[in-house]
Amino acid sequence: MKKQLPVGHEDIKRIIDGDMYYVDKTMMIKTLIDSAASVNLFTRPRRFGKTLNLSMIRRFFELELDASGNPVDNRYMFESLKIASCGERYLSEQGQYPIINLSLKSAKQPDYEMAYHCLTDEIAKEYRRHDYVLQMEALAEDEKQRFRDIMARKGTRVDYATGLEFLSYCLEKYHDKRVIILIDEYDVPLENAYFAGFYDRMIDFIRSLFESALKTNGSLEFAVITGCLRISRESIFTGLNNLEIYSVTRPEYADMFGFTADEVKEMLVYYGLEDKYEEIKEWYDGYLFGNKEIYNPWSIINYVKVALTDRDAFPRPYWSNTSSNAIIKELIEGADMATRQEIESMIEGGTIEKPIHEDITYDAIHESRDSLWNFLYFTGYLKKVKEKMGDDMIYLTMTIPNKEIRSIYRNHILKWFDKKIQNSNLIPLLTAIENDDCEVIGDLLTGQLMDTISFFDYGENYYHGFLVGLLKASGKYLVVSNRESGTGRTDIIMKTPSVRGRAFILELKVSKTFRMMEAGCDEALLQIEKENYEAGLRAEGYSKIDRYGICFYRKECLVKKG
């Protein structure tokens, strides 16, 4: 029986104990030991294995005690993994350090007080995990009381702002070993605070927490921090000169987050799904970390799980369902004409070139459009194609990574377009149709197209959906699309609920050039007559029937009355 896939499991202990399929990333431990960096920040898109890697680091290094105060031996987890063959220099570090393990991902709350309490609750839980230190006589009574207050969620704001430093001090005193600090998803509270409107208050707390834990902490051995973005030193890592930042642009650790092509192929062979590789590549490949080709691990695991049950199942955007994708929404809803054109180009497979800067603050996202493109790149919505140096800045040529991410853009464009139509005044368009004013109809439809983002290759289906969406939103007429009528199939019919009213036949054509648009309108009108599209409407009882030939060329529209 083949191993179970670890969907949703983020602790290496549960994966190993459950004999689940594990993609070995333990060489990251070797590199951490070799680098000897004091504070390591790893930024990767969400769901690329950051939390699992932190659990791996914790289970390897931690001098863990059980409820009775006895050491827990975790060496068995690593016996068959790559780190086990690296020699005594590395294995001698195993189980040697007290560890503070803190996740900040719970701070997605609607106001500051709730978010703050979630963070202090996480700190209190970590104190409770190490409450054995209260047994030592070396800790003064006032220190023990401070420890108890923090653990009981009765500490002051200062207690929690300096809580990681104080816990480090207590653990070093107990174990006579300096402490490793692991902080997962450090930027989640900041992203949430930005969108919820309390960014400044949250950044003040996080800055204080980090400064005491990472800058002035004499009990620190080293720290590993993960997140999606590299938040600028000035806003959160003030004066932290011992910080090493490993973003998606750095070659170090490039293959430690996400799956390489070889790891994906190995998994597919193991589960007998080798024939699915090309489909997986189209949907979930496309990321470039350093110079390594990387696949989205969350989507790969979910895809394989479904394929094992149904080999004919279609790929799905698994990654896009794990977040609100609010940044895409912001990009699309705030896009000017130039940005809309850039989005359209990328959806069609094109590229954009933008200056890149890794220091980001959430409150500066909208200071320039370049900041927003940077945000999209570092959070996984764009990938690097190539880079160059110019004007003392690095410029990246970027595109959409794969079909999965392209579907996110498309879905948000559709939602934006629907919302835009609902807020549009469509009375002038209907009045022009009713008054046979072809020039105004063409101008209004051209204006709507200019103000939208398209993601099709300007085929007839695109224009058909665009026009049907507009006409249905008006609510005045019944709109029938691709209905059998006469001897053929007309594109769009508009009609009043009563046969005593009016009906309109709209036949659409797409021109290859601007100059050929008038001929396209004539062809549409001829088709209405030749195929006798009026027959069905007359059979229903309509006598007032108007015919329009409508031709599109990219975002231009020409209308003729028959």
Protein backbone atom coordinates (compact mmCIF):
# COMPACT_ATOMS: atom_id res chain seq x y z
CA MET A 1 0.00 0.00 0.00
CA LYS A 2 1.41 3.36 -1.03
CA LYS A 3 2.00 6.11 1.50
CA GLN A 4 -0.71 8.62 2.34
CA LEU A 5 -0.20 12.16 1.03
CA PRO A 6 0.30 14.77 3.78
CA VAL A 7 -2.44 17.18 2.70
CA GLY A 8 -2.67 19.94 5.31
CA HIS A 9 -0.02 18.43 7.63
CA GLU A 10 2.58 20.99 8.72
CA ASP A 11 4.48 19.06 11.41
CA ILE A 12 7.22 16.70 10.25
CA LYS A 13 6.60 14.53 13.34
CA ARG A 14 3.03 13.74 12.25
CA ILE A 15 4.23 13.01 8.72
CA ILE A 16 7.03 10.67 9.82
CA ASP A 17 4.97 8.98 12.54
CA GLY A 18 2.11 8.52 10.10
CA ASP A 19 4.45 7.08 7.45
CA MET A 20 3.25 9.71 4.96
CA TYR A 21 5.00 10.74 1.76
CA TYR A 22 7.69 13.30 2.58
CA VAL A 23 9.79 15.35 0.18
CA ASP A 24 13.12 15.53 1.99
CA LYS A 25 14.25 19.09 2.71
CA THR A 26 16.60 18.28 5.59
CA MET A 27 19.68 19.60 3.79
CA MET A 28 18.36 22.98 4.84
CA ILE A 29 19.56 22.07 8.34
CA LYS A 30 23.11 21.52 7.07
CA THR A 31 23.12 24.87 5.28
CA LEU A 32 21.84 26.66 8.38
CA ILE A 33 24.66 25.17 10.48
CA ASP A 34 27.28 25.98 7.83
CA SER A 35 26.14 29.58 7.38
CA ALA A 36 26.13 30.36 11.12
CA ALA A 37 23.89 33.38 10.45
CA SER A 38 22.35 34.88 13.57
CA VAL A 39 18.89 35.81 12.20
CA ASN A 40 17.62 34.17 9.00
CA LEU A 41 14.54 35.50 7.22
CA PHE A 42 13.03 33.31 4.49
CA THR A 43 10.37 34.88 2.27
CA ARG A 44 8.29 32.67 0.01
CA PRO A 45 4.70 32.68 -1.27
CA ARG A 46 2.11 31.07 0.99
CA ARG A 47 1.72 27.29 0.96
CA PHE A 48 5.30 26.67 -0.19
CA GLY A 49 6.35 24.64 2.86
CA LYS A 50 7.54 27.35 5.24
CA THR A 51 5.69 26.01 8.28
CA LEU A 52 6.71 22.41 7.57
CA ASN A 53 10.37 23.43 7.27
CA LEU A 54 10.21 25.26 10.59
CA SER A 55 8.79 22.12 12.22
CA MET A 56 11.67 20.16 10.69
CA ILE A 57 14.20 22.60 12.16
CA ARG A 58 12.48 22.49 15.54
CA ARG A 59 12.31 18.68 15.72
CA PHE A 60 15.98 18.39 14.77
CA PHE A 61 17.49 20.96 17.11
CA GLU A 62 15.11 20.99 20.08
CA LEU A 63 16.11 19.81 23.51
CA GLU A 64 12.52 18.79 24.10
CA LEU A 65 11.10 17.69 27.44
CA ASP A 66 7.89 15.76 28.06
CA ALA A 67 5.27 16.57 30.72
CA SER A 68 7.39 14.82 33.37
CA GLY A 69 10.52 16.77 32.46
CA ASN A 70 12.23 13.86 30.69
CA PRO A 71 14.11 14.39 27.40
CA VAL A 72 12.25 13.45 24.21
CA ASP A 73 14.36 11.61 21.63
CA ASN A 74 13.44 12.76 18.11
CA ARG A 75 16.46 11.31 16.34
CA TYR A 76 14.42 8.51 14.77
CA MET A 77 12.60 11.02 12.54
CA PHE A 78 15.78 11.82 10.64
CA GLU A 79 17.42 8.38 10.41
CA SER A 80 16.38 7.78 6.80
CA LEU A 81 16.61 11.41 5.65
CA LYS A 82 19.49 13.18 3.90
CA ILE A 83 20.84 14.99 6.95
CA ALA A 84 21.63 11.61 8.58
CA SER A 85 24.46 11.02 6.06
CA CYS A 86 26.13 14.40 6.61
CA GLY A 87 28.40 13.33 9.44
CA GLU A 88 28.92 13.85 13.15
CA ARG A 89 29.51 17.60 12.88
CA TYR A 90 25.83 18.05 12.04
CA LEU A 91 24.30 15.16 13.96
CA SER A 92 26.00 16.35 17.16
CA GLU A 93 23.76 19.43 17.02
CA GLN A 94 20.64 17.30 17.22
CA GLY A 95 18.48 17.78 20.32
CA GLN A 96 20.85 20.31 21.85
CA TYR A 97 18.90 23.59 22.08
CA PRO A 98 15.82 24.94 23.83
CA ILE A 99 13.49 26.34 21.18
CA ILE A 100 10.87 29.06 21.14
CA ASN A 101 8.40 28.25 18.39
CA LEU A 102 5.91 31.03 17.61
CA SER A 103 3.35 31.26 14.80
CA LEU A 104 1.78 34.64 14.02
CA LYS A 105 -0.70 33.36 11.44
CA SER A 106 -3.64 33.52 13.88
CA ALA A 107 -3.66 37.34 13.92
CA LYS A 108 -6.14 37.69 11.03
CA GLN A 109 -8.68 39.67 13.01
CA PRO A 110 -10.97 42.62 12.20
CA ASP A 111 -9.55 45.04 14.80
CA TYR A 112 -6.32 45.66 16.66
CA GLU A 113 -7.48 44.46 20.09
CA MET A 114 -8.56 41.07 18.74
CA ALA A 115 -5.36 40.68 16.71
CA TYR A 116 -3.22 41.72 19.69
CA HIS A 117 -4.95 39.22 21.98
CA CYS A 118 -4.44 36.44 19.44
CA LEU A 119 -0.71 37.21 19.37
CA THR A 120 -0.39 37.39 23.14
CA ASP A 121 -2.34 34.15 23.37
CA GLU A 122 0.27 32.47 21.14
CA ILE A 123 3.05 33.84 23.35
CA ALA A 124 1.24 32.57 26.46
CA LYS A 125 0.93 29.08 24.92
CA GLU A 126 4.67 28.97 24.31
CA TYR A 127 5.28 29.95 27.93
CA ARG A 128 2.97 27.13 29.03
CA ARG A 129 4.94 24.68 26.85
CA HIS A 130 8.04 25.62 28.84
CA ASP A 131 6.44 25.99 32.29
CA TYR A 132 8.95 23.48 33.70
CA VAL A 133 11.40 26.38 34.15
CA LEU A 134 9.31 27.49 37.15
CA GLN A 135 10.75 24.52 39.03
CA MET A 136 14.30 25.91 39.11
CA GLU A 137 15.54 27.73 42.17
CA ALA A 138 17.82 30.00 40.14
CA LEU A 139 14.82 31.98 38.91
CA ALA A 140 13.93 34.80 41.32
CA GLU A 141 10.39 34.97 42.69
CA ASP A 142 9.54 38.17 40.83
CA GLU A 143 10.78 36.52 37.62
CA LYS A 144 8.60 33.51 38.31
CA GLN A 145 5.61 35.77 38.90
CA ARG A 146 6.25 37.59 35.64
CA PHE A 147 6.44 34.22 33.88
CA ARG A 148 3.13 33.13 35.46
CA ASP A 149 1.40 36.39 34.52
CA ILE A 150 2.42 36.08 30.89
CA MET A 151 1.40 32.41 30.84
CA ALA A 152 -1.98 33.25 32.40
CA ARG A 153 -2.57 36.07 29.88
CA LYS A 154 -2.38 38.64 32.69
CA GLY A 155 0.85 40.30 31.58
CA THR A 156 1.23 43.96 30.70
CA ARG A 157 1.74 45.20 27.15
CA VAL A 158 5.44 45.60 27.97
CA ASP A 159 5.55 42.00 29.21
CA TYR A 160 4.30 40.72 25.86
CA ALA A 161 6.36 43.13 23.75
CA THR A 162 9.49 41.75 25.46
CA GLY A 163 8.05 38.27 26.02
CA LEU A 164 10.34 36.35 23.66
CA GLU A 165 13.47 37.90 25.14
CA PHE A 166 12.37 37.06 28.72
CA LEU A 167 11.44 33.50 27.79
CA SER A 168 14.87 33.13 26.13
CA TYR A 169 16.53 34.30 29.35
CA CYS A 170 14.55 31.78 31.42
CA LEU A 171 15.27 28.88 29.06
CA GLU A 172 18.98 29.62 28.89
CA LYS A 173 19.12 29.78 32.67
CA TYR A 174 17.39 26.39 32.96
CA HIS A 175 19.23 24.49 30.20
CA ASP A 176 22.52 26.38 30.28
CA LYS A 177 22.14 26.61 26.50
CA ARG A 178 21.33 29.56 24.30
CA VAL A 179 17.98 29.51 22.53
CA ILE A 180 16.82 29.05 18.94
CA ILE A 181 13.82 31.22 18.05
CA LEU A 182 11.48 30.17 15.23
CA ILE A 183 8.83 32.66 14.06
CA ASP A 184 6.38 31.57 11.37
CA GLU A 185 4.36 33.89 9.08
CA TYR A 186 5.74 37.01 10.72
CA ASP A 187 4.07 39.34 8.21
CA VAL A 188 0.51 37.96 8.50
CA PRO A 189 -0.41 40.40 11.33
CA LEU A 190 0.93 43.27 9.22
CA GLU A 191 -0.91 42.31 6.04
CA ASN A 192 -4.14 41.83 7.98
CA ALA A 193 -3.66 45.14 9.82
CA TYR A 194 -3.07 46.97 6.56
CA PHE A 195 -6.28 45.76 4.96
CA ALA A 196 -8.25 46.12 8.23
CA GLY A 197 -7.06 49.66 8.93
CA PHE A 198 -4.80 49.45 12.01
CA TYR A 199 -1.37 49.01 10.41
CA ASP A 200 0.52 51.60 12.49
CA ARG A 201 -0.53 50.11 15.85
CA MET A 202 0.35 46.57 14.80
CA ILE A 203 3.73 47.49 13.37
CA ASP A 204 4.66 49.22 16.65
CA PHE A 205 3.99 46.01 18.60
CA ILE A 206 5.74 43.69 16.14
CA ARG A 207 8.76 46.01 16.01
CA SER A 208 9.07 45.96 19.81
CA LEU A 209 8.64 42.18 19.95
CA PHE A 210 11.32 41.58 17.31
CA GLU A 211 13.79 44.16 18.55
CA SER A 212 13.92 42.66 22.03
CA ALA A 213 13.97 39.06 20.77
CA LEU A 214 16.41 39.41 17.88
CA LYS A 215 18.56 42.49 18.47
CA THR A 216 19.17 42.86 22.20
CA ASN A 217 18.76 39.21 23.18
CA GLY A 218 21.94 37.85 24.76
CA SER A 219 20.36 34.40 25.08
CA LEU A 220 19.85 33.94 21.32
CA GLU A 221 21.77 31.19 19.47
CA PHE A 222 20.10 31.90 16.14
CA ALA A 223 16.64 32.63 14.73
CA VAL A 224 14.69 31.53 11.67
CA ILE A 225 11.78 33.67 10.52
CA THR A 226 9.40 32.99 7.63
CA GLY A 227 6.91 35.12 5.76
CA CYS A 228 5.71 36.10 2.30
CA LEU A 229 7.33 39.54 2.15
CA ARG A 230 10.55 41.18 3.20
CA ILE A 231 9.25 44.08 5.26
CA SER A 232 11.75 46.95 5.23
CA ARG A 233 14.31 47.21 7.98
CA GLU A 234 13.14 50.73 8.77
CA SER A 235 9.61 49.62 9.57
CA ILE A 236 10.17 46.45 11.59
CA PHE A 237 13.81 45.28 11.71
CA THR A 238 15.22 48.58 12.98
CA GLY A 239 18.96 48.37 13.56
CA LEU A 240 19.05 44.61 13.10
CA ASN A 241 22.47 44.30 11.47
CA ASN A 242 22.66 40.53 12.02
CA LEU A 243 19.76 39.81 9.63
CA GLU A 244 20.27 37.57 6.57
CA ILE A 245 17.36 37.75 4.13
CA TYR A 246 16.76 34.89 1.68
CA SER A 247 14.06 35.96 -0.74
CA VAL A 248 13.01 34.32 -4.01
CA THR A 249 15.77 36.28 -5.74
CA ARG A 250 18.60 34.66 -3.72
CA PRO A 251 20.27 31.41 -4.86
CA GLU A 252 20.76 30.08 -1.30
CA TYR A 253 18.05 27.68 -0.13
CA ALA A 254 16.36 28.05 -3.55
CA ASP A 255 15.24 24.41 -3.68
CA MET A 256 14.30 24.15 0.01
CA PHE A 257 10.79 25.60 -0.44
CA GLY A 258 8.45 24.13 -3.03
CA PHE A 259 9.18 21.08 -5.18
CA THR A 260 11.83 20.80 -7.86
CA ALA A 261 11.02 19.14 -11.19
CA ASP A 262 12.90 15.99 -10.10
CA GLU A 263 10.94 15.84 -6.83
CA VAL A 264 7.65 16.14 -8.72
CA LYS A 265 8.64 13.41 -11.19
CA GLU A 266 9.73 11.14 -8.34
CA MET A 267 6.36 11.59 -6.62
CA LEU A 268 4.45 10.87 -9.84
CA VAL A 269 6.47 7.71 -10.46
CA TYR A 270 5.81 6.56 -6.89
CA TYR A 271 2.05 6.93 -7.34
CA GLY A 272 1.97 5.66 -10.94
CA LEU A 273 0.99 9.00 -12.43
CA GLU A 274 3.94 9.63 -14.73
CA ASP A 275 1.63 10.49 -17.63
CA LYS A 276 0.31 13.50 -15.69
CA TYR A 277 3.60 15.40 -15.68
CA GLU A 278 2.95 17.72 -18.64
CA GLU A 279 -0.46 18.68 -17.28
CA ILE A 280 1.05 19.39 -13.86
CA LYS A 281 3.81 21.46 -15.46
CA GLU A 282 1.27 23.66 -17.28
CA TRP A 283 -0.78 24.26 -14.18
CA TYR A 284 1.61 24.38 -11.23
CA ASP A 285 5.16 24.98 -12.51
CA GLY A 286 6.57 28.33 -13.51
CA TYR A 287 8.21 29.68 -10.37
CA LEU A 288 11.87 30.64 -10.39
CA PHE A 289 13.55 30.87 -6.98
CA GLY A 290 17.12 31.98 -7.47
CA ASN A 291 17.78 30.07 -10.67
CA LYS A 292 15.83 26.96 -9.65
CA GLU A 293 12.64 25.88 -11.36
CA ILE A 294 10.08 25.33 -8.60
CA TYR A 295 6.57 23.85 -8.49
CA ASN A 296 3.79 24.84 -6.10
CA PRO A 297 3.83 22.02 -3.47
CA TRP A 298 0.34 22.60 -2.08
CA SER A 299 -1.24 22.26 -5.51
CA ILE A 300 0.91 19.28 -6.49
CA ILE A 301 -0.07 17.29 -3.39
CA ASN A 302 -3.76 18.09 -3.81
CA TYR A 303 -3.67 17.29 -7.52
CA VAL A 304 -2.01 13.91 -6.92
CA LYS A 305 -4.49 13.05 -4.17
CA VAL A 306 -7.45 13.69 -6.47
CA ALA A 307 -5.81 11.94 -9.43
CA LEU A 308 -5.33 8.78 -7.38
CA THR A 309 -9.11 8.57 -7.04
CA ASP A 310 -10.04 9.90 -10.49
CA ARG A 311 -7.33 9.83 -13.13
CA ASP A 312 -9.53 11.91 -15.46
CA ALA A 313 -10.10 14.72 -12.95
CA PHE A 314 -9.32 18.18 -14.26
CA PRO A 315 -6.59 20.32 -12.63
CA ARG A 316 -7.96 22.90 -10.23
CA PRO A 317 -6.65 26.13 -8.71
CA TYR A 318 -5.98 24.62 -5.29
CA TRP A 319 -3.57 27.37 -4.21
CA SER A 320 -5.97 30.19 -5.06
CA ASN A 321 -8.57 28.76 -2.69
CA THR A 322 -6.30 29.19 0.35
CA SER A 323 -6.52 32.99 0.50
CA SER A 324 -8.72 35.93 -0.37
CA ASN A 325 -6.26 37.04 -3.08
CA ALA A 326 -7.01 40.60 -1.95
CA ILE A 327 -3.95 42.01 -3.69
CA ILE A 328 -5.22 40.88 -7.11
CA LYS A 329 -8.55 42.51 -6.33
CA GLU A 330 -6.75 45.75 -5.46
CA LEU A 331 -4.72 45.65 -8.67
CA ILE A 332 -7.71 45.08 -10.93
CA GLU A 333 -10.15 47.47 -9.27
CA GLY A 334 -7.60 50.28 -9.17
CA ALA A 335 -6.10 49.70 -12.62
CA ASP A 336 -5.69 52.64 -14.97
CA MET A 337 -5.64 52.17 -18.75
CA ALA A 338 -1.90 51.37 -18.87
CA THR A 339 -2.20 48.79 -16.08
CA ARG A 340 -5.22 47.17 -17.75
CA GLN A 341 -3.20 46.78 -20.93
CA GLU A 342 -0.32 45.22 -18.98
CA ILE A 343 -2.67 42.74 -17.28
CA GLU A 344 -4.21 41.80 -20.64
CA SER A 345 -0.78 41.28 -22.16
CA MET A 346 0.31 38.94 -19.36
CA ILE A 347 -2.91 36.92 -19.43
CA GLU A 348 -2.27 36.36 -23.13
CA GLY A 349 1.24 35.09 -22.25
CA GLY A 350 3.13 38.36 -22.54
CA THR A 351 5.55 40.00 -20.10
CA ILE A 352 6.08 43.27 -18.28
CA GLU A 353 9.34 44.86 -17.17
CA LYS A 354 9.46 46.61 -13.79
CA PRO A 355 12.11 47.84 -11.34
CA ILE A 356 12.34 45.54 -8.34
CA HIS A 357 12.96 46.52 -4.72
CA GLU A 358 12.73 44.00 -1.93
CA ASP A 359 12.11 46.33 1.01
CA ILE A 360 8.34 46.71 1.17
CA THR A 361 5.93 48.30 3.60
CA TYR A 362 2.25 47.58 3.28
CA ASP A 363 1.29 51.22 3.73
CA ALA A 364 3.45 52.14 0.70
CA ILE A 365 1.88 49.67 -1.72
CA HIS A 366 -0.18 52.36 -3.42
CA GLU A 367 2.51 55.03 -3.50
CA SER A 368 3.40 53.81 -6.96
CA ARG A 369 2.20 51.14 -9.34
CA ASP A 370 5.71 49.62 -9.23
CA SER A 371 5.23 48.84 -5.52
CA LEU A 372 2.12 46.85 -6.33
CA TRP A 373 3.91 44.87 -9.05
CA ASN A 374 6.69 44.11 -6.54
CA PHE A 375 4.11 42.89 -4.05
CA LEU A 376 2.60 40.57 -6.67
CA TYR A 377 6.02 39.18 -7.56
CA PHE A 378 7.13 38.36 -4.03
CA THR A 379 3.79 36.81 -3.09
CA GLY A 380 3.75 34.40 -6.04
CA TYR A 381 1.35 36.04 -8.49
CA LEU A 382 4.14 36.83 -10.97
CA LYS A 383 7.37 35.06 -11.86
CA LYS A 384 10.75 36.25 -13.06
CA VAL A 385 11.65 35.58 -16.69
CA LYS A 386 14.94 37.49 -16.71
CA GLU A 387 16.63 40.39 -14.98
CA LYS A 388 18.97 43.21 -15.91
CA MET A 389 20.76 46.12 -14.24
CA GLY A 390 19.99 49.68 -15.22
CA ASP A 391 20.01 53.13 -13.61
CA ASP A 392 21.30 51.67 -10.33
CA MET A 393 18.22 49.43 -10.11
CA ILE A 394 17.45 45.84 -10.98
CA TYR A 395 14.71 45.40 -13.57
CA LEU A 396 12.77 42.16 -13.79
CA THR A 397 10.90 40.90 -16.80
CA MET A 398 7.87 39.15 -15.28
CA THR A 399 4.87 37.14 -16.36
CA ILE A 400 2.08 35.04 -14.85
CA PRO A 401 3.62 31.73 -13.68
CA ASN A 402 1.08 29.15 -14.81
CA LYS A 403 -2.55 28.29 -15.57
CA GLU A 404 -3.47 28.17 -11.90
CA ILE A 405 -2.45 31.77 -11.26
CA ARG A 406 -3.90 32.90 -14.59
CA SER A 407 -7.26 31.55 -13.43
CA ILE A 408 -7.07 33.79 -10.34
CA TYR A 409 -6.64 36.88 -12.50
CA ARG A 410 -9.49 35.78 -14.78
CA ASN A 411 -11.89 35.08 -11.90
CA HIS A 412 -11.24 38.45 -10.32
CA ILE A 413 -11.60 40.23 -13.67
CA LEU A 414 -15.00 38.59 -14.16
CA LYS A 415 -16.11 39.60 -10.64
CA TRP A 416 -14.85 43.14 -11.23
CA PHE A 417 -16.63 43.35 -14.59
CA ASP A 418 -19.92 42.11 -13.10
CA LYS A 419 -19.62 44.67 -10.29
CA LYS A 420 -18.76 47.39 -12.79
CA ILE A 421 -21.80 46.60 -14.93
CA GLN A 422 -24.09 46.71 -11.90
CA ASN A 423 -22.83 50.22 -11.13
CA SER A 424 -23.01 51.43 -14.74
CA ASN A 425 -25.74 53.63 -16.18
CA LEU A 426 -26.99 51.53 -19.10
CA ILE A 427 -29.95 53.76 -19.97
CA PRO A 428 -28.04 55.64 -22.73
CA LEU A 429 -27.16 52.31 -24.41
CA LEU A 430 -30.74 51.04 -24.36
CA THR A 431 -32.04 54.43 -25.56
CA ALA A 432 -29.61 54.37 -28.47
CA ILE A 433 -30.68 50.82 -29.41
CA GLU A 434 -34.35 51.81 -29.25
CA ASN A 435 -33.73 54.98 -31.31
CA ASP A 436 -31.68 53.25 -34.04
CA ASP A 437 -28.68 55.45 -33.18
CA CYS A 438 -25.90 53.22 -34.46
CA GLU A 439 -23.12 55.77 -33.92
CA VAL A 440 -23.98 56.21 -30.23
CA ILE A 441 -24.32 52.43 -29.73
CA GLY A 442 -20.86 51.92 -31.22
CA ASP A 443 -19.33 54.73 -29.17
CA LEU A 444 -20.84 53.47 -25.90
CA LEU A 445 -19.74 49.87 -26.49
CA THR A 446 -16.24 51.04 -27.48
CA GLY A 447 -16.06 53.09 -24.27
CA GLN A 448 -17.08 50.06 -22.19
CA LEU A 449 -14.45 47.89 -23.89
CA MET A 450 -11.75 50.50 -23.36
CA ASP A 451 -12.61 50.54 -19.67
CA THR A 452 -12.50 46.75 -19.20
CA ILE A 453 -9.81 44.10 -18.93
CA SER A 454 -10.09 41.32 -21.48
CA PHE A 455 -8.50 37.90 -21.12
CA PHE A 456 -9.53 36.22 -24.34
CA ASP A 457 -7.87 36.62 -27.72
CA TYR A 458 -10.68 38.94 -28.86
CA GLY A 459 -12.65 36.04 -30.31
CA GLU A 460 -16.39 36.16 -30.87
CA ASN A 461 -17.09 34.34 -27.59
CA TYR A 462 -15.44 37.18 -25.67
CA TYR A 463 -17.55 39.89 -27.32
CA HIS A 464 -20.66 37.75 -27.05
CA GLY A 465 -20.23 37.35 -23.27
CA PHE A 466 -19.36 41.03 -22.89
CA LEU A 467 -22.50 42.22 -24.71
CA VAL A 468 -24.86 39.70 -23.09
CA GLY A 469 -23.56 40.76 -19.66
CA LEU A 470 -24.31 44.41 -20.39
CA LEU A 471 -27.76 43.85 -21.82
CA LYS A 472 -28.91 41.46 -19.09
CA ALA A 473 -27.79 43.91 -16.40
CA SER A 474 -30.23 46.51 -17.74
CA GLY A 475 -33.21 44.43 -16.60
CA LYS A 476 -35.58 46.04 -19.10
CA TYR A 477 -35.55 43.33 -21.76
CA LEU A 478 -35.44 39.58 -21.87
CA VAL A 479 -32.07 38.64 -23.35
CA VAL A 480 -31.77 35.31 -25.16
CA SER A 481 -28.35 34.10 -26.23
CA ASN A 482 -27.58 31.70 -29.12
CA ARG A 483 -31.22 30.71 -29.48
CA GLU A 484 -32.46 28.44 -32.28
CA SER A 485 -34.41 30.68 -34.66
CA GLY A 486 -35.31 30.29 -38.33
CA THR A 487 -32.81 28.10 -40.14
CA GLY A 488 -29.80 29.10 -38.05
CA ARG A 489 -28.65 30.29 -34.63
CA THR A 490 -28.69 34.01 -33.90
CA ASP A 491 -26.20 35.53 -31.45
CA ILE A 492 -28.42 37.68 -29.23
CA ILE A 493 -32.14 38.47 -29.09
CA MET A 494 -33.57 41.25 -26.92
CA LYS A 495 -37.32 41.41 -26.46
CA THR A 496 -39.96 42.87 -24.22
CA PRO A 497 -41.93 40.43 -22.05
CA SER A 498 -45.07 41.34 -24.04
CA VAL A 499 -45.25 40.46 -27.75
CA ARG A 500 -46.92 43.85 -28.24
CA GLY A 501 -43.57 45.44 -27.51
CA ARG A 502 -40.33 45.28 -29.46
CA ALA A 503 -37.65 42.76 -30.29
CA PHE A 504 -34.06 43.22 -31.46
CA ILE A 505 -31.80 40.80 -33.28
CA LEU A 506 -28.07 41.41 -32.72
CA GLU A 507 -25.62 39.49 -34.88
CA LEU A 508 -21.92 39.79 -33.98
CA LYS A 509 -18.82 39.59 -36.14
CA VAL A 510 -15.12 40.01 -35.41
CA SER A 511 -12.88 41.77 -37.93
CA LYS A 512 -9.20 41.06 -38.53
CA THR A 513 -8.52 44.75 -39.26
CA PHE A 514 -10.06 48.10 -38.40
CA ARG A 515 -10.75 48.83 -42.08
CA MET A 516 -12.81 45.66 -42.50
CA MET A 517 -15.29 46.44 -39.71
CA GLU A 518 -17.99 47.88 -41.99
CA ALA A 519 -17.87 44.78 -44.16
CA GLY A 520 -18.30 42.74 -40.98
CA CYS A 521 -21.48 44.63 -40.11
CA ASP A 522 -22.84 44.03 -43.62
CA GLU A 523 -22.04 40.34 -43.36
CA ALA A 524 -23.91 40.12 -40.04
CA LEU A 525 -27.02 41.81 -41.47
CA LEU A 526 -26.96 39.57 -44.52
CA GLN A 527 -26.76 36.51 -42.27
CA ILE A 528 -29.84 37.66 -40.28
CA GLU A 529 -31.80 37.91 -43.51
CA LYS A 530 -30.43 34.80 -45.18
CA GLU A 531 -30.97 32.56 -42.13
CA ASN A 532 -34.41 34.10 -41.49
CA TYR A 533 -33.69 34.81 -37.82
CA GLU A 534 -36.94 36.80 -37.52
CA ALA A 535 -39.10 33.69 -38.06
CA GLY A 536 -39.20 32.56 -34.46
CA LEU A 537 -39.99 36.03 -33.12
CA ARG A 538 -42.82 36.49 -35.63
CA ALA A 539 -44.19 33.07 -34.71
CA GLU A 540 -44.31 34.25 -31.08
CA GLY A 541 -46.31 37.32 -32.17
CA TYR A 542 -43.71 40.10 -32.32
CA SER A 543 -44.20 42.51 -35.21
CA LYS A 544 -41.74 45.29 -34.29
CA ILE A 545 -38.36 43.67 -34.93
CA ASP A 546 -35.11 45.60 -35.40
CA ARG A 547 -31.90 44.11 -36.75
CA TYR A 548 -28.36 45.18 -35.92
CA GLY A 549 -25.08 44.04 -37.39
CA ILE A 550 -22.30 44.62 -34.84
CA CYS A 551 -18.62 44.22 -35.66
CA PHE A 552 -15.69 44.33 -33.21
CA TYR A 553 -12.00 44.84 -33.74
CA ARG A 554 -10.05 44.58 -30.52
CA LYS A 555 -11.67 47.31 -28.39
CA GLU A 556 -13.38 49.11 -31.26
CA CYS A 557 -17.06 48.61 -32.14
CA LEU A 558 -19.06 49.53 -35.25
CA VAL A 559 -22.84 49.12 -35.55
CA LYS A 560 -25.13 49.13 -38.58
CA LYS A 561 -28.93 48.91 -38.70
CA GLY A 562 -30.66 46.51 -41.14
